[in-house]
Amino acid sequence: MSTTGSRNAARAVRAALEVKGRRLGEHVFTLLEGTTGKPSQLAPGRKAGRWMRVDGEGRGVDAETLASRLRLSPEFAHKVVDEIAPGTTVIVTDAPAVRKPVVDSTYFATS
């Protein structure tokens, strides 16, 4: 599995991602000001950010619980942490980041 980040609708970063356990589902989080005071589970040596759960599929899960199921390169995680700011929205999903184009088989003819 891989993770893709984008900025202004253009893909900015891509990295390998390992997910522990069952499927992730679909979740949306927004970064708030400050930290939790706890160590980050994704970026070693950093404090965990405060995340607000905006929406999700199925039962609610907080960002810290979800992060405990993810493993990615610490270097990549540090780059992401350095780039995001309060107000950043993150979508976590098992769905493909890019959908296959749908071929339109409807044609109109005029005379």
C-alpha atoms as a PDB file:
ATOM      1  CA  MET A   1       0.000   0.000   0.000  1.00  0.00           C
ATOM      2  CA  SER A   2       1.197   3.546  -0.503  1.00  0.00           C
ATOM      3  CA  THR A   3       0.301   6.960   0.789  1.00  0.00           C
ATOM      4  CA  THR A   4      -0.027   9.992  -1.419  1.00  0.00           C
ATOM      5  CA  GLY A   5      -0.108  13.612  -0.363  1.00  0.00           C
ATOM      6  CA  SER A   6      -1.240  16.492  -2.490  1.00  0.00           C
ATOM      7  CA  ARG A   7      -1.133  20.247  -2.350  1.00  0.00           C
ATOM      8  CA  ASN A   8      -3.515  22.385  -4.401  1.00  0.00           C
ATOM      9  CA  ALA A   9      -4.787  19.232  -6.157  1.00  0.00           C
ATOM     10  CA  ALA A  10      -1.284  18.286  -7.409  1.00  0.00           C
ATOM     11  CA  ARG A  11       0.428  15.187  -6.036  1.00  0.00           C
ATOM     12  CA  ALA A  12       3.304  16.373  -3.862  1.00  0.00           C
ATOM     13  CA  VAL A  13       4.586  13.249  -2.083  1.00  0.00           C
ATOM     14  CA  ARG A  14       4.312   9.474  -2.164  1.00  0.00           C
ATOM     15  CA  ALA A  15       5.611   6.808   0.256  1.00  0.00           C
ATOM     16  CA  ALA A  16       5.128   3.154   1.195  1.00  0.00           C
ATOM     17  CA  LEU A  17       2.645   2.554   4.013  1.00  0.00           C
ATOM     18  CA  GLU A  18       2.018  -0.535   6.151  1.00  0.00           C
ATOM     19  CA  VAL A  19      -1.393  -1.001   7.787  1.00  0.00           C
ATOM     20  CA  LYS A  20      -1.838  -3.332  10.758  1.00  0.00           C
ATOM     21  CA  GLY A  21      -5.095  -5.248  11.169  1.00  0.00           C
ATOM     22  CA  ARG A  22      -8.393  -4.856   9.366  1.00  0.00           C
ATOM     23  CA  ARG A  23      -9.269  -2.301   6.699  1.00  0.00           C
ATOM     24  CA  LEU A  24      -9.000   1.372   7.631  1.00  0.00           C
ATOM     25  CA  GLY A  25     -12.336   2.626   6.336  1.00  0.00           C
ATOM     26  CA  GLU A  26     -12.711   6.319   5.568  1.00  0.00           C
ATOM     27  CA  HIS A  27     -11.849   9.087   8.018  1.00  0.00           C
ATOM     28  CA  VAL A  28     -11.348  12.856   7.866  1.00  0.00           C
ATOM     29  CA  PHE A  29      -9.300  14.775  10.455  1.00  0.00           C
ATOM     30  CA  THR A  30      -8.300  18.437  10.829  1.00  0.00           C
ATOM     31  CA  LEU A  31      -5.120  19.489  12.650  1.00  0.00           C
ATOM     32  CA  LEU A  32      -5.696  21.832  15.607  1.00  0.00           C
ATOM     33  CA  GLU A  33      -3.262  24.173  17.413  1.00  0.00           C
ATOM     34  CA  GLY A  34      -0.797  22.632  19.880  1.00  0.00           C
ATOM     35  CA  THR A  35       0.165  19.059  20.721  1.00  0.00           C
ATOM     36  CA  THR A  36      -1.174  16.301  22.929  1.00  0.00           C
ATOM     37  CA  GLY A  37       2.101  16.279  24.888  1.00  0.00           C
ATOM     38  CA  LYS A  38       2.527  12.599  23.954  1.00  0.00           C
ATOM     39  CA  PRO A  39       5.167  11.297  21.532  1.00  0.00           C
ATOM     40  CA  SER A  40       4.070  11.026  17.911  1.00  0.00           C
ATOM     41  CA  GLN A  41       3.440   7.447  16.812  1.00  0.00           C
ATOM     42  CA  LEU A  42       4.313   8.326  13.211  1.00  0.00           C
ATOM     43  CA  ALA A  43       7.211  10.803  13.570  1.00  0.00           C
ATOM     44  CA  PRO A  44       9.710   9.621  16.212  1.00  0.00           C
ATOM     45  CA  GLY A  45      11.139  12.401  18.367  1.00  0.00           C
ATOM     46  CA  ARG A  46       8.171  14.705  17.723  1.00  0.00           C
ATOM     47  CA  LYS A  47       5.101  15.455  19.818  1.00  0.00           C
ATOM     48  CA  ALA A  48       1.750  14.206  18.526  1.00  0.00           C
ATOM     49  CA  GLY A  49      -0.486  16.872  17.031  1.00  0.00           C
ATOM     50  CA  ARG A  50      -4.037  17.509  18.223  1.00  0.00           C
ATOM     51  CA  TRP A  51      -6.475  16.226  15.597  1.00  0.00           C
ATOM     52  CA  MET A  52     -10.216  16.775  15.427  1.00  0.00           C
ATOM     53  CA  ARG A  53     -12.283  13.995  13.861  1.00  0.00           C
ATOM     54  CA  VAL A  54     -14.436  15.651  11.210  1.00  0.00           C
ATOM     55  CA  ASP A  55     -16.176  12.683   9.628  1.00  0.00           C
ATOM     56  CA  GLY A  56     -15.770   8.989   9.154  1.00  0.00           C
ATOM     57  CA  GLU A  57     -17.226   5.728   7.991  1.00  0.00           C
ATOM     58  CA  GLY A  58     -18.452   3.218  10.556  1.00  0.00           C
ATOM     59  CA  ARG A  59     -17.644   3.576  14.220  1.00  0.00           C
ATOM     60  CA  GLY A  60     -15.661   6.624  15.270  1.00  0.00           C
ATOM     61  CA  VAL A  61     -11.939   6.302  15.806  1.00  0.00           C
ATOM     62  CA  ASP A  62      -9.611   9.016  17.045  1.00  0.00           C
ATOM     63  CA  ALA A  63      -6.462  10.001  15.141  1.00  0.00           C
ATOM     64  CA  GLU A  64      -4.116   8.525  17.749  1.00  0.00           C
ATOM     65  CA  THR A  65      -5.785   5.094  17.553  1.00  0.00           C
ATOM     66  CA  LEU A  66      -5.694   5.183  13.768  1.00  0.00           C
ATOM     67  CA  ALA A  67      -2.033   6.280  13.769  1.00  0.00           C
ATOM     68  CA  SER A  68      -1.129   3.283  15.953  1.00  0.00           C
ATOM     69  CA  ARG A  69      -2.136   1.030  13.037  1.00  0.00           C
ATOM     70  CA  LEU A  70       0.071   2.779  10.457  1.00  0.00           C
ATOM     71  CA  ARG A  71       3.772   2.405   9.800  1.00  0.00           C
ATOM     72  CA  LEU A  72       5.695   4.534   7.334  1.00  0.00           C
ATOM     73  CA  SER A  73       9.188   5.874   6.871  1.00  0.00           C
ATOM     74  CA  PRO A  74      10.185   8.210   9.741  1.00  0.00           C
ATOM     75  CA  GLU A  75      11.874  10.490   7.197  1.00  0.00           C
ATOM     76  CA  PHE A  76       8.620  10.803   5.256  1.00  0.00           C
ATOM     77  CA  ALA A  77       6.644  11.368   8.469  1.00  0.00           C
ATOM     78  CA  HIS A  78       9.008  14.173   9.522  1.00  0.00           C
ATOM     79  CA  LYS A  79       8.641  15.867   6.115  1.00  0.00           C
ATOM     80  CA  VAL A  80       4.849  15.734   6.435  1.00  0.00           C
ATOM     81  CA  VAL A  81       4.920  17.080  10.007  1.00  0.00           C
ATOM     82  CA  ASP A  82       7.172  19.945   8.867  1.00  0.00           C
ATOM     83  CA  GLU A  83       4.749  20.900   6.063  1.00  0.00           C
ATOM     84  CA  ILE A  84       1.352  20.718   7.738  1.00  0.00           C
ATOM     85  CA  ALA A  85      -0.126  23.499   9.841  1.00  0.00           C
ATOM     86  CA  PRO A  86      -3.250  23.955  11.958  1.00  0.00           C
ATOM     87  CA  GLY A  87      -6.259  23.787   9.665  1.00  0.00           C
ATOM     88  CA  THR A  88      -4.736  21.056   7.481  1.00  0.00           C
ATOM     89  CA  THR A  89      -7.307  18.394   6.630  1.00  0.00           C
ATOM     90  CA  VAL A  90      -6.222  14.779   6.164  1.00  0.00           C
ATOM     91  CA  ILE A  91      -8.300  12.042   4.550  1.00  0.00           C
ATOM     92  CA  VAL A  92      -7.447   8.469   5.549  1.00  0.00           C
ATOM     93  CA  THR A  93      -9.003   5.803   3.332  1.00  0.00           C
ATOM     94  CA  ASP A  94      -8.507   2.365   1.814  1.00  0.00           C
ATOM     95  CA  ALA A  95     -10.061   3.601  -1.417  1.00  0.00           C
ATOM     96  CA  PRO A  96      -7.749   4.165  -4.402  1.00  0.00           C
ATOM     97  CA  ALA A  97      -6.331   7.678  -4.584  1.00  0.00           C
ATOM     98  CA  VAL A  98      -6.906   7.759  -8.329  1.00  0.00           C
ATOM     99  CA  ARG A  99     -10.019   6.278  -9.861  1.00  0.00           C
ATOM    100  CA  LYS A 100     -10.010   4.585 -13.230  1.00  0.00           C
ATOM    101  CA  PRO A 101     -11.647   6.762 -15.864  1.00  0.00           C
ATOM    102  CA  VAL A 102     -15.144   5.742 -16.877  1.00  0.00           C
ATOM    103  CA  VAL A 103     -15.559   5.317 -20.588  1.00  0.00           C
ATOM    104  CA  ASP A 104     -18.692   7.103 -21.763  1.00  0.00           C
ATOM    105  CA  SER A 105     -20.495   4.834 -24.174  1.00  0.00           C
ATOM    106  CA  THR A 106     -23.295   7.288 -24.837  1.00  0.00           C
ATOM    107  CA  TYR A 107     -23.127   9.028 -28.203  1.00  0.00           C
ATOM    108  CA  PHE A 108     -25.524  11.575 -29.582  1.00  0.00           C
ATOM    109  CA  ALA A 109     -26.098  12.055 -33.288  1.00  0.00           C
ATOM    110  CA  THR A 110     -27.742  15.019 -34.879  1.00  0.00           C
ATOM    111  CA  SER A 111     -28.912  15.393 -38.442  1.00  0.00           C
END
